[in-house]
Protein backbone atom coordinates (compact mmCIF):
# COMPACT_ATOMS: atom_id res chain seq x y z
CA MET A 1 27.19 145.61 247.74
CA GLY A 2 30.59 145.70 245.81
CA TYR A 3 31.40 142.90 243.71
CA LEU A 4 35.01 143.08 244.63
CA ASP A 5 36.35 142.48 248.22
CA PRO A 6 38.77 145.17 249.54
CA THR A 7 41.35 142.29 249.95
CA GLU A 8 41.17 141.97 246.08
CA TYR A 9 41.58 145.43 244.91
CA VAL A 10 45.23 145.03 244.11
CA ALA A 11 44.87 141.63 242.60
CA TYR A 12 42.63 142.92 240.13
CA GLY A 13 44.73 145.87 239.14
CA LEU A 14 43.42 148.75 241.44
CA THR A 15 45.65 150.57 243.65
CA ALA A 16 45.68 149.95 247.62
CA GLU A 17 44.53 153.55 247.96
CA THR A 18 41.29 152.72 246.25
CA THR A 19 38.47 153.57 248.41
CA ASP A 20 35.24 151.27 248.74
CA ASP A 21 32.81 153.93 247.17
CA TRP A 22 34.54 153.48 243.80
CA VAL A 23 33.73 149.76 243.96
CA THR A 24 30.32 150.11 245.44
CA THR A 25 29.43 152.77 242.65
CA ALA A 26 30.84 150.73 239.87
CA SER A 27 28.82 147.66 241.18
CA ALA A 28 25.64 149.70 241.22
CA LEU A 29 26.50 150.70 237.54
CA MET A 30 26.76 147.07 236.47
CA GLU A 31 23.36 146.27 237.89
CA SER A 32 21.80 149.41 236.17
CA TYR A 33 23.41 148.03 232.93
CA CYS A 34 22.21 144.49 233.42
CA ARG A 35 18.68 145.80 234.33
CA ARG A 36 18.33 143.89 237.76
CA PRO A 37 18.54 144.57 241.38
CA SER A 38 21.69 142.24 241.93
CA LEU A 39 23.82 139.97 239.99
CA LEU A 40 23.82 137.74 243.03
CA VAL A 41 21.37 134.86 243.58
CA THR A 42 17.98 136.66 243.71
CA THR A 43 14.36 135.51 243.69
CA TYR A 44 12.21 136.94 240.97
CA THR A 45 8.56 136.65 239.88
CA GLU A 46 7.60 136.87 236.49
CA ARG A 47 4.73 136.69 233.95
CA VAL A 48 5.55 135.48 230.52
CA ARG A 49 3.22 135.52 227.64
CA LEU A 50 3.52 132.04 225.81
CA GLY A 51 3.52 131.79 222.07
CA CYS A 52 1.42 129.32 219.82
CA GLY A 53 1.43 125.85 221.37
CA GLY A 54 1.75 127.27 224.90
CA GLN A 55 4.48 124.91 226.31
CA VAL A 56 7.95 126.71 226.12
CA ALA A 57 8.79 130.18 228.05
CA ARG A 58 11.96 131.88 228.34
CA LEU A 59 12.77 133.60 231.53
CA SER A 60 14.51 136.98 231.68
CA TYR A 61 17.11 136.66 234.32
CA LEU A 62 20.02 134.46 233.97
CA PRO A 63 21.75 132.24 234.79
CA LEU A 64 19.15 130.25 236.78
CA ALA A 65 20.21 129.09 239.97
CA THR A 66 19.04 126.23 242.31
CA VAL A 67 19.06 127.11 246.07
CA ALA A 68 19.21 124.04 248.27
CA PRO A 69 16.60 122.64 249.53
CA ALA A 70 14.91 123.33 246.35
CA THR A 71 15.63 120.84 243.43
CA SER A 72 14.63 123.21 240.82
CA ALA A 73 15.45 126.81 240.02
CA VAL A 74 11.72 127.42 239.43
CA VAL A 75 10.42 127.59 242.92
CA SER A 76 6.58 127.81 241.88
CA ALA A 77 4.48 128.27 238.70
CA ARG A 78 1.18 128.78 237.63
CA ALA A 79 -0.27 128.98 234.00
CA ARG A 80 -3.45 130.36 232.46
CA LEU A 81 -5.63 128.34 230.24
CA GLY A 82 -7.00 130.02 227.08
CA PHE A 83 -8.92 128.99 223.91
CA ALA A 84 -7.00 128.58 220.53
CA GLY A 85 -5.75 131.76 218.99
CA ARG A 86 -6.10 133.02 215.57
CA GLY A 87 -4.91 130.65 213.06
CA GLU A 88 -4.92 127.68 215.79
CA MET A 89 -7.15 124.55 215.67
CA LEU A 90 -8.75 123.17 218.88
CA ASP A 91 -10.85 120.11 218.43
CA ALA A 92 -14.55 120.33 219.80
CA PHE A 93 -13.90 117.87 222.53
CA ARG A 94 -10.95 119.67 224.21
CA GLU A 95 -12.77 123.15 223.72
CA GLN A 96 -15.76 121.61 225.48
CA VAL A 97 -13.57 120.39 228.36
CA LEU A 98 -12.12 123.87 228.84
CA ARG A 99 -15.52 125.46 229.04
CA THR A 100 -16.82 122.89 231.28
CA PHE A 101 -13.79 122.64 233.91
CA SER A 102 -12.19 126.12 233.85
CA ALA A 103 -13.31 129.30 232.79
CA PRO A 104 -11.09 131.00 230.12
CA GLY A 105 -8.36 133.06 231.59
CA SER A 106 -8.43 130.71 234.84
CA TRP A 107 -5.09 129.87 236.45
CA THR A 108 -3.64 126.46 237.11
CA THR A 109 -0.86 125.69 239.68
CA LEU A 110 1.80 123.59 237.86
CA ASP A 111 4.10 120.89 239.34
CA VAL A 112 7.62 122.29 238.94
CA SER A 113 9.08 118.99 239.16
CA GLY A 114 7.42 118.15 235.77
CA MET A 115 9.14 121.07 234.15
CA ASP A 116 12.29 120.80 231.98
CA VAL A 117 14.42 123.66 233.00
CA ASP A 118 17.67 124.87 231.07
CA VAL A 119 19.51 127.02 233.65
CA THR A 120 21.86 128.53 230.93
CA THR A 121 19.30 129.75 228.46
CA GLY A 122 16.26 130.33 230.95
CA GLU A 123 14.07 128.20 228.78
CA VAL A 124 11.26 126.35 230.62
CA ARG A 125 9.10 123.56 228.87
CA LEU A 126 5.90 123.18 230.53
CA PRO A 127 4.32 119.80 231.31
CA VAL A 128 1.49 118.72 229.01
CA ASN A 129 -2.00 119.12 231.02
CA PHE A 130 -4.43 116.23 231.12
CA PHE A 131 -6.55 117.32 228.46
CA GLY A 132 -3.86 118.62 226.17
CA LEU A 133 -5.06 122.26 226.23
CA ARG A 134 -2.88 125.16 225.52
CA TYR A 135 -1.50 127.72 228.15
CA THR A 136 -1.43 131.34 227.39
CA ASP A 137 0.55 132.71 230.21
CA LEU A 138 3.04 131.50 232.86
CA GLU A 139 3.69 133.13 236.11
CA ALA A 140 6.90 131.71 237.58
CA THR A 141 8.67 132.39 240.81
CA TYR A 142 12.27 131.43 240.48
CA THR A 143 16.05 132.09 241.50
CA ALA A 144 18.77 133.44 239.27
CA GLY A 145 22.17 134.99 239.67
CA VAL A 146 25.50 133.99 240.73
CA LEU A 147 27.25 133.19 244.10
CA PRO A 148 30.24 133.24 244.53
CA VAL A 149 31.02 136.22 242.28
CA PRO A 150 32.85 134.89 239.31
CA ALA A 151 36.20 136.28 237.97
CA ALA A 152 34.37 137.78 235.06
CA LEU A 153 32.30 140.03 237.21
CA LYS A 154 35.34 140.98 239.35
CA VAL A 155 37.19 142.05 236.20
CA ALA A 156 34.27 144.18 234.91
CA CYS A 157 34.12 145.91 238.13
CA ALA A 158 37.84 146.60 238.46
CA GLN A 159 37.76 147.81 234.90
CA ILE A 160 35.06 150.34 235.47
CA VAL A 161 36.72 151.67 238.47
CA ARG A 162 40.00 152.03 236.33
CA ASN A 163 37.98 153.84 233.69
CA ALA A 164 36.42 156.10 236.04
CA GLN A 165 39.76 156.92 237.80
CA ALA A 166 41.04 157.89 234.33
CA THR A 167 38.29 160.21 233.69
CA PRO A 168 39.11 163.76 234.70
CA ALA A 169 35.74 164.78 235.79
CA LEU A 170 35.58 162.09 238.16
CA ASN A 171 39.11 161.66 239.44
CA VAL A 172 39.11 164.51 241.86
CA LYS A 173 40.53 163.17 245.10
CA SER A 174 38.91 165.60 247.31
CA SER A 175 35.26 164.68 246.50
CA LYS A 176 33.29 161.39 247.13
CA VAL A 177 32.15 159.46 243.95
CA ASP A 178 28.67 158.92 243.64
CA ARG A 179 26.38 156.86 241.53
CA LEU A 180 24.84 160.00 239.46
CA GLN A 181 28.51 160.80 238.75
CA MET A 182 29.26 157.48 237.35
CA GLN A 183 25.75 157.18 235.55
CA TYR A 184 26.35 160.34 233.65
CA PHE A 185 29.77 159.03 232.41
CA SER A 186 28.49 155.26 231.95
CA GLY A 187 29.01 155.67 228.13
CA SER A 188 32.76 155.76 228.43
CA LEU A 189 33.02 153.73 231.63
CA LEU A 190 31.18 150.68 230.37
CA ASP A 191 33.83 149.98 227.36
CA GLU A 192 33.47 147.07 225.18
CA GLN A 193 35.52 144.85 227.33
CA VAL A 194 33.00 145.38 230.15
CA LYS A 195 29.98 145.06 227.97
CA ALA A 196 31.35 141.58 226.68
CA LEU A 197 31.75 140.55 230.37
CA LEU A 198 28.32 141.43 231.68
CA ARG A 199 26.49 140.31 228.57
CA PRO A 200 25.52 136.97 229.97
CA TYR A 201 23.61 138.75 233.11
CA VAL A 202 21.82 141.41 231.14
CA ALA A 203 18.06 140.73 231.62
CA GLU A 204 15.95 139.76 228.31
CA ARG A 205 13.03 141.39 227.23
CA LEU A 206 12.80 144.05 230.00
CA GLY A 207 13.00 147.76 229.67
């Protein structure tokens, strides 16, 4: 899809003769740069390795978005219990509980209503389990993205189109621009202004 509506082309500095393929291809280039299938609200399932303590995770796609009737951006989650890692201490009672009631590496479904979720940073603080045992991994299904499209993304899309139209190898009116062409020239099309506008939407830790 395009992040600019045809009725907005002129308002964002494009000519009235700009065809939809320019905007569609520029939008695909934005998604490729941000390493995500869409910048609109999308559902993701991600597995995150937890650090020492096993209580806080940071999700990759931002910003998180809550879609009604859900009350949290995190739709469902489960965590894996594990023994203490190197350099960590686990008292004998809790270790015996872990061995008795759950096999190492087993997954436990979590109550998402008990999670503290920061929609801006993607930080998720897990609820403390009954025995205070640590988690080693989190698998979360969550929603992230924007709707409606903010002005910053529309400006970025229009700027990419203008950069492409100013590139002689792309600005051939008799040919139809395609994604491969734009990808080849992405280094010049995604200037510093565009990268700054897209920075909040670039996926973390992926790729």
